PDB file of N, CA and C in Angstrom:
ATOM      1  N   MET A   1      32.509 -11.918 -22.514  1.00  0.00           N
ATOM      2  CA  MET A   1      32.457 -12.805 -21.371  1.00  0.00           C
ATOM      3  C   MET A   1      33.651 -13.734 -21.410  1.00  0.00           C
ATOM      4  N   THR A   2      34.252 -13.892 -20.253  1.00  0.00           N
ATOM      5  CA  THR A   2      35.458 -14.698 -20.186  1.00  0.00           C
ATOM      6  C   THR A   2      35.215 -16.101 -19.656  1.00  0.00           C
ATOM      7  N   GLY A   3      34.067 -16.310 -18.987  1.00  0.00           N
ATOM      8  CA  GLY A   3      33.778 -17.612 -18.413  1.00  0.00           C
ATOM      9  C   GLY A   3      34.406 -17.800 -17.044  1.00  0.00           C
ATOM     10  N   GLU A   4      35.116 -16.778 -16.550  1.00  0.00           N
ATOM     11  CA  GLU A   4      35.746 -16.868 -15.234  1.00  0.00           C
ATOM     12  C   GLU A   4      34.706 -16.645 -14.135  1.00  0.00           C
ATOM     13  N   THR A   5      34.925 -17.290 -12.992  1.00  0.00           N
ATOM     14  CA  THR A   5      34.046 -17.121 -11.847  1.00  0.00           C
ATOM     15  C   THR A   5      34.302 -15.760 -11.209  1.00  0.00           C
ATOM     16  N   VAL A   6      33.217 -15.066 -10.876  1.00  0.00           N
ATOM     17  CA  VAL A   6      33.324 -13.765 -10.222  1.00  0.00           C
ATOM     18  C   VAL A   6      33.003 -13.954  -8.745  1.00  0.00           C
ATOM     19  N   GLU A   7      33.896 -13.476  -7.880  1.00  0.00           N
ATOM     20  CA  GLU A   7      33.691 -13.601  -6.438  1.00  0.00           C
ATOM     21  C   GLU A   7      32.455 -12.821  -6.023  1.00  0.00           C
ATOM     22  N   ARG A   8      31.769 -13.293  -4.975  1.00  0.00           N
ATOM     23  CA  ARG A   8      30.535 -12.665  -4.521  1.00  0.00           C
ATOM     24  C   ARG A   8      30.739 -11.181  -4.208  1.00  0.00           C
ATOM     25  N   ASP A   9      31.835 -10.809  -3.593  1.00  0.00           N
ATOM     26  CA  ASP A   9      32.082  -9.407  -3.248  1.00  0.00           C
ATOM     27  C   ASP A   9      32.253  -8.528  -4.486  1.00  0.00           C
ATOM     28  N   ASP A  10      32.588  -9.124  -5.616  1.00  0.00           N
ATOM     29  CA  ASP A  10      32.781  -8.368  -6.852  1.00  0.00           C
ATOM     30  C   ASP A  10      31.532  -8.341  -7.733  1.00  0.00           C
ATOM     31  N   GLN A  11      30.478  -9.042  -7.321  1.00  0.00           N
ATOM     32  CA  GLN A  11      29.256  -9.093  -8.107  1.00  0.00           C
ATOM     33  C   GLN A  11      28.390  -7.873  -7.802  1.00  0.00           C
ATOM     34  N   VAL A  12      27.731  -7.354  -8.818  1.00  0.00           N
ATOM     35  CA  VAL A  12      26.810  -6.226  -8.641  1.00  0.00           C
ATOM     36  C   VAL A  12      25.534  -6.494  -9.427  1.00  0.00           C
ATOM     37  N   LYS A  13      24.470  -5.840  -9.026  1.00  0.00           N
ATOM     38  CA  LYS A  13      23.213  -5.913  -9.771  1.00  0.00           C
ATOM     39  C   LYS A  13      23.192  -4.744 -10.738  1.00  0.00           C
ATOM     40  N   GLY A  14      22.519  -4.915 -11.864  1.00  0.00           N
ATOM     41  CA  GLY A  14      22.460  -3.833 -12.829  1.00  0.00           C
ATOM     42  C   GLY A  14      21.305  -4.003 -13.781  1.00  0.00           C
ATOM     43  N   CYS A  15      21.114  -2.992 -14.592  1.00  0.00           N
ATOM     44  CA  CYS A  15      20.055  -2.978 -15.587  1.00  0.00           C
ATOM     45  C   CYS A  15      20.679  -2.689 -16.943  1.00  0.00           C
ATOM     46  N   GLU A  16      20.396  -3.539 -17.929  1.00  0.00           N
ATOM     47  CA  GLU A  16      20.936  -3.338 -19.267  1.00  0.00           C
ATOM     48  C   GLU A  16      20.067  -2.314 -19.993  1.00  0.00           C
ATOM     49  N   ILE A  17      20.666  -1.178 -20.357  1.00  0.00           N
ATOM     50  CA  ILE A  17      19.912  -0.132 -21.052  1.00  0.00           C
ATOM     51  C   ILE A  17      20.133  -0.181 -22.557  1.00  0.00           C
ATOM     52  N   ALA A  18      21.164  -0.864 -22.992  1.00  0.00           N
ATOM     53  CA  ALA A  18      21.445  -1.105 -24.404  1.00  0.00           C
ATOM     54  C   ALA A  18      22.352  -2.332 -24.447  1.00  0.00           C
ATOM     55  N   LYS A  19      22.552  -2.895 -25.616  1.00  0.00           N
ATOM     56  CA  LYS A  19      23.390  -4.094 -25.720  1.00  0.00           C
ATOM     57  C   LYS A  19      24.772  -3.801 -25.140  1.00  0.00           C
ATOM     58  N   ASP A  20      25.162  -4.599 -24.147  1.00  0.00           N
ATOM     59  CA  ASP A  20      26.449  -4.482 -23.462  1.00  0.00           C
ATOM     60  C   ASP A  20      26.642  -3.149 -22.752  1.00  0.00           C
ATOM     61  N   ASP A  21      25.576  -2.424 -22.443  1.00  0.00           N
ATOM     62  CA  ASP A  21      25.645  -1.161 -21.718  1.00  0.00           C
ATOM     63  C   ASP A  21      24.808  -1.302 -20.452  1.00  0.00           C
ATOM     64  N   LEU A  22      25.479  -1.466 -19.315  1.00  0.00           N
ATOM     65  CA  LEU A  22      24.803  -1.731 -18.054  1.00  0.00           C
ATOM     66  C   LEU A  22      24.921  -0.551 -17.099  1.00  0.00           C
ATOM     67  N   VAL A  23      23.856  -0.331 -16.328  1.00  0.00           N
ATOM     68  CA  VAL A  23      23.866   0.672 -15.273  1.00  0.00           C
ATOM     69  C   VAL A  23      23.791  -0.085 -13.956  1.00  0.00           C
ATOM     70  N   PRO A  24      24.760   0.097 -13.064  1.00  0.00           N
ATOM     71  CA  PRO A  24      24.717  -0.615 -11.779  1.00  0.00           C
ATOM     72  C   PRO A  24      23.574  -0.093 -10.902  1.00  0.00           C
ATOM     73  N   ILE A  25      22.981  -0.989 -10.125  1.00  0.00           N
ATOM     74  CA  ILE A  25      21.906  -0.638  -9.208  1.00  0.00           C
ATOM     75  C   ILE A  25      22.323  -1.080  -7.811  1.00  0.00           C
ATOM     76  N   GLU A  26      22.285  -0.146  -6.887  1.00  0.00           N
ATOM     77  CA  GLU A  26      22.667  -0.436  -5.498  1.00  0.00           C
ATOM     78  C   GLU A  26      21.494  -1.079  -4.761  1.00  0.00           C
ATOM     79  N   ASP A  27      21.782  -1.795  -3.669  1.00  0.00           N
ATOM     80  CA  ASP A  27      20.744  -2.468  -2.900  1.00  0.00           C
ATOM     81  C   ASP A  27      19.701  -1.483  -2.380  1.00  0.00           C
ATOM     82  N   TYR A  28      20.117  -0.303  -1.928  1.00  0.00           N
ATOM     83  CA  TYR A  28      19.155   0.664  -1.396  1.00  0.00           C
ATOM     84  C   TYR A  28      18.210   1.150  -2.506  1.00  0.00           C
ATOM     85  N   GLU A  29      18.702   1.187  -3.746  1.00  0.00           N
ATOM     86  CA  GLU A  29      17.843   1.584  -4.866  1.00  0.00           C
ATOM     87  C   GLU A  29      16.793   0.511  -5.142  1.00  0.00           C
ATOM     88  N   LEU A  30      17.185  -0.760  -5.014  1.00  0.00           N
ATOM     89  CA  LEU A  30      16.239  -1.856  -5.214  1.00  0.00           C
ATOM     90  C   LEU A  30      15.120  -1.804  -4.179  1.00  0.00           C
ATOM     91  N   SER A  31      15.468  -1.509  -2.928  1.00  0.00           N
ATOM     92  CA  SER A  31      14.432  -1.461  -1.896  1.00  0.00           C
ATOM     93  C   SER A  31      13.487  -0.287  -2.125  1.00  0.00           C
ATOM     94  N   GLU A  32      13.963   0.789  -2.737  1.00  0.00           N
ATOM     95  CA  GLU A  32      13.119   1.950  -3.006  1.00  0.00           C
ATOM     96  C   GLU A  32      12.120   1.694  -4.135  1.00  0.00           C
ATOM     97  N   ILE A  33      12.473   0.817  -5.079  1.00  0.00           N
ATOM     98  CA  ILE A  33      11.594   0.576  -6.214  1.00  0.00           C
ATOM     99  C   ILE A  33      10.806  -0.724  -6.094  1.00  0.00           C
ATOM    100  N   ALA A  34      11.012  -1.454  -4.995  1.00  0.00           N
ATOM    101  CA  ALA A  34      10.332  -2.738  -4.815  1.00  0.00           C
ATOM    102  C   ALA A  34       8.824  -2.537  -4.763  1.00  0.00           C
ATOM    103  N   LEU A  35       8.090  -3.424  -5.425  1.00  0.00           N
ATOM    104  CA  LEU A  35       6.636  -3.378  -5.398  1.00  0.00           C
ATOM    105  C   LEU A  35       6.128  -3.984  -4.100  1.00  0.00           C
ATOM    106  N   GLU A  36       5.118  -3.381  -3.539  1.00  0.00           N
ATOM    107  CA  GLU A  36       4.533  -3.905  -2.322  1.00  0.00           C
ATOM    108  C   GLU A  36       3.570  -5.027  -2.681  1.00  0.00           C
ATOM    109  N   SER A  37       3.781  -6.183  -2.101  1.00  0.00           N
ATOM    110  CA  SER A  37       2.938  -7.337  -2.396  1.00  0.00           C
ATOM    111  C   SER A  37       1.659  -7.260  -1.560  1.00  0.00           C
ATOM    112  N   THR A  38       0.549  -7.547  -2.198  1.00  0.00           N
ATOM    113  CA  THR A  38      -0.721  -7.543  -1.480  1.00  0.00           C
ATOM    114  C   THR A  38      -1.193  -8.955  -1.162  1.00  0.00           C
ATOM    115  N   HIS A  39      -0.550  -9.952  -1.750  1.00  0.00           N
ATOM    116  CA  HIS A  39      -0.932 -11.359  -1.552  1.00  0.00           C
ATOM    117  C   HIS A  39      -2.408 -11.578  -1.898  1.00  0.00           C
ATOM    118  N   THR A  40      -2.884 -10.893  -2.900  1.00  0.00           N
ATOM    119  CA  THR A  40      -4.253 -11.078  -3.357  1.00  0.00           C
ATOM    120  C   THR A  40      -4.251 -11.418  -4.838  1.00  0.00           C
ATOM    121  N   ILE A  41      -5.343 -11.979  -5.280  1.00  0.00           N
ATOM    122  CA  ILE A  41      -5.519 -12.310  -6.686  1.00  0.00           C
ATOM    123  C   ILE A  41      -6.697 -11.495  -7.201  1.00  0.00           C
ATOM    124  N   ASN A  42      -6.487 -10.790  -8.269  1.00  0.00           N
ATOM    125  CA  ASN A  42      -7.571 -10.029  -8.887  1.00  0.00           C
ATOM    126  C   ASN A  42      -8.244 -10.891  -9.938  1.00  0.00           C
ATOM    127  N   ILE A  43      -9.519 -11.176  -9.750  1.00  0.00           N
ATOM    128  CA  ILE A  43     -10.284 -11.971 -10.711  1.00  0.00           C
ATOM    129  C   ILE A  43     -10.860 -11.013 -11.734  1.00  0.00           C
ATOM    130  N   GLU A  44     -10.494 -11.228 -12.982  1.00  0.00           N
ATOM    131  CA  GLU A  44     -10.945 -10.335 -14.043  1.00  0.00           C
ATOM    132  C   GLU A  44     -12.120 -10.884 -14.824  1.00  0.00           C
ATOM    133  N   ALA A  45     -12.289 -12.205 -14.819  1.00  0.00           N
ATOM    134  CA  ALA A  45     -13.393 -12.786 -15.570  1.00  0.00           C
ATOM    135  C   ALA A  45     -13.642 -14.215 -15.088  1.00  0.00           C
ATOM    136  N   PHE A  46     -14.825 -14.710 -15.361  1.00  0.00           N
ATOM    137  CA  PHE A  46     -15.188 -16.086 -15.068  1.00  0.00           C
ATOM    138  C   PHE A  46     -15.464 -16.787 -16.397  1.00  0.00           C
ATOM    139  N   CYS A  47     -15.402 -18.116 -16.369  1.00  0.00           N
ATOM    140  CA  CYS A  47     -15.746 -18.874 -17.570  1.00  0.00           C
ATOM    141  C   CYS A  47     -16.698 -19.991 -17.167  1.00  0.00           C
ATOM    142  N   ARG A  48     -17.347 -20.578 -18.149  1.00  0.00           N
ATOM    143  CA  ARG A  48     -18.248 -21.699 -17.887  1.00  0.00           C
ATOM    144  C   ARG A  48     -17.428 -22.949 -17.586  1.00  0.00           C
ATOM    145  N   ARG A  49     -17.982 -23.824 -16.768  1.00  0.00           N
ATOM    146  CA  ARG A  49     -17.317 -25.074 -16.377  1.00  0.00           C
ATOM    147  C   ARG A  49     -16.884 -25.872 -17.602  1.00  0.00           C
ATOM    148  N   GLU A  50     -17.677 -25.887 -18.639  1.00  0.00           N
ATOM    149  CA  GLU A  50     -17.380 -26.663 -19.838  1.00  0.00           C
ATOM    150  C   GLU A  50     -16.118 -26.162 -20.551  1.00  0.00           C
ATOM    151  N   GLU A  51     -15.712 -24.943 -20.283  1.00  0.00           N
ATOM    152  CA  GLU A  51     -14.548 -24.361 -20.945  1.00  0.00           C
ATOM    153  C   GLU A  51     -13.224 -24.760 -20.275  1.00  0.00           C
ATOM    154  N   VAL A  52     -13.310 -25.397 -19.095  1.00  0.00           N
ATOM    155  CA  VAL A  52     -12.112 -25.767 -18.353  1.00  0.00           C
ATOM    156  C   VAL A  52     -11.761 -27.219 -18.645  1.00  0.00           C
ATOM    157  N   ASP A  53     -10.532 -27.456 -19.087  1.00  0.00           N
ATOM    158  CA  ASP A  53     -10.083 -28.819 -19.377  1.00  0.00           C
ATOM    159  C   ASP A  53     -10.076 -29.631 -18.081  1.00  0.00           C
ATOM    160  N   GLU A  54     -10.471 -30.887 -18.152  1.00  0.00           N
ATOM    161  CA  GLU A  54     -10.563 -31.787 -16.992  1.00  0.00           C
ATOM    162  C   GLU A  54      -9.259 -31.852 -16.185  1.00  0.00           C
ATOM    163  N   ARG A  55      -8.132 -31.779 -16.851  1.00  0.00           N
ATOM    164  CA  ARG A  55      -6.847 -31.941 -16.142  1.00  0.00           C
ATOM    165  C   ARG A  55      -6.585 -30.825 -15.138  1.00  0.00           C
ATOM    166  N   TYR A  56      -7.273 -29.701 -15.248  1.00  0.00           N
ATOM    167  CA  TYR A  56      -7.063 -28.586 -14.327  1.00  0.00           C
ATOM    168  C   TYR A  56      -8.001 -28.609 -13.130  1.00  0.00           C
ATOM    169  N   LEU A  57      -8.873 -29.589 -13.043  1.00  0.00           N
ATOM    170  CA  LEU A  57      -9.833 -29.621 -11.948  1.00  0.00           C
ATOM    171  C   LEU A  57      -9.246 -30.174 -10.660  1.00  0.00           C
ATOM    172  N   ASP A  58      -8.285 -31.089 -10.719  1.00  0.00           N
ATOM    173  CA  ASP A  58      -7.678 -31.647  -9.509  1.00  0.00           C
ATOM    174  C   ASP A  58      -6.505 -30.800  -9.023  1.00  0.00           C
ATOM    175  N   LYS A  59      -5.706 -30.315  -9.969  1.00  0.00           N
ATOM    176  CA  LYS A  59      -4.512 -29.535  -9.620  1.00  0.00           C
ATOM    177  C   LYS A  59      -4.394 -28.383 -10.600  1.00  0.00           C
ATOM    178  N   PRO A  60      -3.911 -27.241 -10.128  1.00  0.00           N
ATOM    179  CA  PRO A  60      -3.741 -26.104 -11.049  1.00  0.00           C
ATOM    180  C   PRO A  60      -2.628 -26.344 -12.045  1.00  0.00           C
TER     181      PRO A  60
END
């Protein structure tokens, strides 16, 4: 790394597959692998009220 600023047009996205070994990823590839958001929360378990610390009752 040189610490020099890279112009936006010269920037690319990539995935590091090994130390200092990067594979570039194109924007169309990112859209193909994007996860579809469901905007839902899956509840896996409940707990008793006594198990929840007081500080979490007003704000998460």
